[in-house]
């Protein structure tokens, strides 16, 4: 399983919180790329609910990761 920013960003609009099955269903219905579906299938399914993409890919960058000062512009 590998995640890239491009692949993980496809799940930003997913119905969070969600289980593995709900995320797979969303990905298939939305026509998300096969790589994302394969990554989701590789998740361990212990009945856990994922609250956000950070629960799946802890290294997913957030707004705080970018050094952009919104007040400057």
N, C-alpha and C. Protein backbone atom coordinates (compact mmCIF):
# COMPACT_ATOMS: atom_id res chain seq x y z
N UNK A 1 0.85 -1.16 0.00
CA UNK A 1 0.00 0.00 0.00
C UNK A 1 0.90 1.23 0.00
N UNK A 2 0.61 2.13 -0.88
CA UNK A 2 1.34 3.39 -0.91
C UNK A 2 0.36 4.52 -1.15
N UNK A 3 0.61 5.63 -0.51
CA UNK A 3 -0.23 6.81 -0.70
C UNK A 3 0.63 7.94 -1.23
N UNK A 4 0.06 8.71 -2.11
CA UNK A 4 0.67 9.95 -2.57
C UNK A 4 -0.33 11.06 -2.28
N UNK A 5 0.12 12.27 -2.36
CA UNK A 5 -0.78 13.40 -2.13
C UNK A 5 -1.95 13.37 -3.11
N UNK A 6 -1.66 13.03 -4.36
CA UNK A 6 -2.71 12.98 -5.38
C UNK A 6 -3.74 11.91 -5.06
N UNK A 7 -3.29 10.72 -4.67
CA UNK A 7 -4.22 9.64 -4.36
C UNK A 7 -5.04 9.95 -3.11
N UNK A 8 -4.40 10.42 -2.07
CA UNK A 8 -5.10 10.71 -0.82
C UNK A 8 -6.10 11.85 -0.97
N UNK A 9 -5.78 12.82 -1.81
CA UNK A 9 -6.68 13.96 -1.99
C UNK A 9 -8.01 13.55 -2.61
N UNK A 10 -8.05 12.40 -3.27
CA UNK A 10 -9.30 11.92 -3.86
C UNK A 10 -10.32 11.57 -2.77
N UNK A 11 -9.85 11.33 -1.56
CA UNK A 11 -10.74 10.96 -0.46
C UNK A 11 -11.13 12.14 0.43
N UNK A 12 -10.72 13.36 0.08
CA UNK A 12 -11.05 14.51 0.92
C UNK A 12 -12.55 14.70 1.07
N UNK A 13 -13.32 14.40 0.03
CA UNK A 13 -14.76 14.60 0.06
C UNK A 13 -15.52 13.36 0.49
N UNK A 14 -14.81 12.35 0.96
CA UNK A 14 -15.47 11.12 1.42
C UNK A 14 -16.34 11.42 2.63
N UNK A 15 -17.34 10.59 2.86
CA UNK A 15 -18.26 10.83 3.99
C UNK A 15 -17.62 10.43 5.33
N UNK A 16 -16.79 11.30 5.88
CA UNK A 16 -16.11 11.02 7.14
C UNK A 16 -17.05 11.24 8.30
N UNK A 17 -17.00 10.52 9.38
CA UNK A 17 -16.25 9.29 9.59
C UNK A 17 -16.84 8.14 8.79
N UNK A 18 -16.00 7.17 8.48
CA UNK A 18 -16.44 6.05 7.64
C UNK A 18 -15.64 4.80 7.96
N UNK A 19 -16.27 3.67 7.70
CA UNK A 19 -15.59 2.39 7.84
C UNK A 19 -14.87 2.07 6.54
N UNK A 20 -14.09 1.02 6.55
CA UNK A 20 -13.39 0.59 5.34
C UNK A 20 -14.38 0.31 4.22
N UNK A 21 -15.46 -0.38 4.53
CA UNK A 21 -16.47 -0.72 3.52
C UNK A 21 -17.15 0.52 2.96
N UNK A 22 -17.44 1.48 3.81
CA UNK A 22 -18.06 2.73 3.35
C UNK A 22 -17.12 3.51 2.45
N UNK A 23 -15.83 3.52 2.78
CA UNK A 23 -14.85 4.21 1.93
C UNK A 23 -14.71 3.51 0.59
N UNK A 24 -14.70 2.19 0.60
CA UNK A 24 -14.63 1.44 -0.66
C UNK A 24 -15.86 1.72 -1.52
N UNK A 25 -17.03 1.71 -0.90
CA UNK A 25 -18.26 2.00 -1.62
C UNK A 25 -18.22 3.39 -2.23
N UNK A 26 -17.77 4.38 -1.45
CA UNK A 26 -17.66 5.75 -1.95
C UNK A 26 -16.69 5.82 -3.13
N UNK A 27 -15.54 5.17 -2.99
CA UNK A 27 -14.52 5.21 -4.05
C UNK A 27 -15.03 4.58 -5.34
N UNK A 28 -15.72 3.47 -5.23
CA UNK A 28 -16.24 2.79 -6.42
C UNK A 28 -17.33 3.62 -7.07
N UNK A 29 -18.28 4.14 -6.27
CA UNK A 29 -19.37 4.94 -6.84
C UNK A 29 -18.88 6.24 -7.45
N UNK A 30 -17.80 6.79 -6.89
CA UNK A 30 -17.27 8.07 -7.37
C UNK A 30 -16.34 7.92 -8.56
N UNK A 31 -15.98 6.68 -8.89
CA UNK A 31 -15.08 6.47 -10.01
C UNK A 31 -13.64 6.85 -9.71
N UNK A 32 -13.27 6.75 -8.45
CA UNK A 32 -11.91 7.07 -8.04
C UNK A 32 -10.96 6.02 -8.61
N UNK A 33 -9.74 6.42 -8.86
CA UNK A 33 -8.77 5.56 -9.52
C UNK A 33 -8.58 4.22 -8.81
N UNK A 34 -8.18 3.24 -9.58
CA UNK A 34 -7.98 1.88 -9.09
C UNK A 34 -6.93 1.81 -7.99
N UNK A 35 -5.92 2.67 -8.05
CA UNK A 35 -4.87 2.67 -7.02
C UNK A 35 -5.45 2.98 -5.64
N UNK A 36 -6.39 3.93 -5.58
CA UNK A 36 -7.01 4.29 -4.30
C UNK A 36 -7.83 3.12 -3.78
N UNK A 37 -8.59 2.48 -4.66
CA UNK A 37 -9.41 1.34 -4.27
C UNK A 37 -8.53 0.20 -3.76
N UNK A 38 -7.42 -0.06 -4.45
CA UNK A 38 -6.50 -1.11 -4.00
C UNK A 38 -5.91 -0.78 -2.63
N UNK A 39 -5.56 0.49 -2.42
CA UNK A 39 -5.02 0.89 -1.12
C UNK A 39 -6.05 0.70 -0.02
N UNK A 40 -7.30 1.05 -0.30
CA UNK A 40 -8.35 0.88 0.69
C UNK A 40 -8.58 -0.61 0.99
N UNK A 41 -8.49 -1.44 -0.02
CA UNK A 41 -8.69 -2.87 0.18
C UNK A 41 -7.60 -3.47 1.06
N UNK A 42 -6.41 -2.87 1.06
CA UNK A 42 -5.30 -3.38 1.85
C UNK A 42 -5.37 -2.95 3.32
N UNK A 43 -6.28 -2.04 3.66
CA UNK A 43 -6.42 -1.63 5.05
C UNK A 43 -6.87 -2.81 5.89
N UNK A 44 -6.36 -2.89 7.10
CA UNK A 44 -6.82 -3.93 8.01
C UNK A 44 -8.23 -3.58 8.44
N UNK A 45 -9.13 -4.56 8.34
CA UNK A 45 -10.52 -4.31 8.68
C UNK A 45 -10.85 -4.91 10.03
N UNK A 46 -10.80 -4.07 11.03
CA UNK A 46 -11.13 -4.50 12.38
C UNK A 46 -12.44 -3.85 12.82
N UNK A 47 -13.20 -3.36 11.85
CA UNK A 47 -14.46 -2.69 12.16
C UNK A 47 -14.26 -1.27 12.64
N UNK A 48 -13.04 -0.76 12.50
CA UNK A 48 -12.74 0.59 12.95
C UNK A 48 -13.42 1.62 12.06
N UNK A 49 -13.68 2.77 12.65
CA UNK A 49 -14.19 3.91 11.90
C UNK A 49 -13.05 4.91 11.75
N UNK A 50 -12.84 5.37 10.55
CA UNK A 50 -11.81 6.36 10.26
C UNK A 50 -12.45 7.74 10.27
N UNK A 51 -11.86 8.67 11.02
CA UNK A 51 -12.42 10.00 11.14
C UNK A 51 -11.99 10.94 10.02
N UNK A 52 -10.84 10.65 9.41
CA UNK A 52 -10.32 11.49 8.34
C UNK A 52 -9.22 10.73 7.61
N UNK A 53 -8.71 11.34 6.55
CA UNK A 53 -7.63 10.72 5.78
C UNK A 53 -6.39 10.55 6.64
N UNK A 54 -6.22 11.39 7.67
CA UNK A 54 -5.06 11.28 8.55
C UNK A 54 -5.04 9.96 9.31
N UNK A 55 -6.21 9.37 9.54
CA UNK A 55 -6.27 8.07 10.21
C UNK A 55 -5.76 6.96 9.30
N UNK A 56 -5.87 7.15 8.00
CA UNK A 56 -5.41 6.16 7.03
C UNK A 56 -3.96 6.41 6.66
N UNK A 57 -3.63 7.67 6.42
CA UNK A 57 -2.27 8.07 6.04
C UNK A 57 -1.83 9.19 6.97
N UNK A 58 -1.17 8.84 8.07
CA UNK A 58 -0.79 9.85 9.08
C UNK A 58 0.09 10.97 8.54
N UNK A 59 0.78 10.77 7.44
CA UNK A 59 1.66 11.80 6.89
C UNK A 59 0.95 12.74 5.94
N UNK A 60 -0.37 12.64 5.83
CA UNK A 60 -1.11 13.52 4.92
C UNK A 60 -0.90 14.97 5.34
N UNK A 61 -0.45 15.81 4.43
CA UNK A 61 -0.16 17.21 4.79
C UNK A 61 -1.44 17.99 5.08
N UNK A 62 -1.36 18.83 6.09
CA UNK A 62 -2.47 19.71 6.44
C UNK A 62 -2.07 21.14 6.13
N UNK A 63 -2.99 22.07 6.35
CA UNK A 63 -2.68 23.47 6.07
C UNK A 63 -1.49 23.96 6.90
N UNK A 64 -1.33 23.41 8.09
CA UNK A 64 -0.22 23.83 8.95
C UNK A 64 1.13 23.42 8.38
N UNK A 65 1.13 22.44 7.47
CA UNK A 65 2.39 21.98 6.88
C UNK A 65 2.94 22.94 5.83
N UNK A 66 2.11 23.84 5.37
CA UNK A 66 2.54 24.80 4.36
C UNK A 66 2.82 26.14 5.03
N UNK A 67 3.88 26.77 4.64
CA UNK A 67 4.27 28.03 5.25
C UNK A 67 3.67 29.20 4.48
N UNK A 68 2.36 29.26 4.47
CA UNK A 68 1.66 30.31 3.76
C UNK A 68 0.94 31.17 4.78
N UNK A 69 1.27 32.43 4.80
CA UNK A 69 0.64 33.35 5.75
C UNK A 69 -0.54 34.02 5.08
N UNK A 70 -1.76 33.57 5.42
CA UNK A 70 -2.97 34.10 4.79
C UNK A 70 -3.18 35.56 5.09
N UNK A 71 -2.71 36.05 6.23
CA UNK A 71 -2.88 37.45 6.58
C UNK A 71 -2.00 38.37 5.74
N UNK A 72 -0.97 37.81 5.16
CA UNK A 72 -0.04 38.60 4.36
C UNK A 72 -0.66 39.06 3.05
N UNK A 73 -1.63 38.30 2.55
CA UNK A 73 -2.19 38.62 1.24
C UNK A 73 -3.61 39.08 1.33
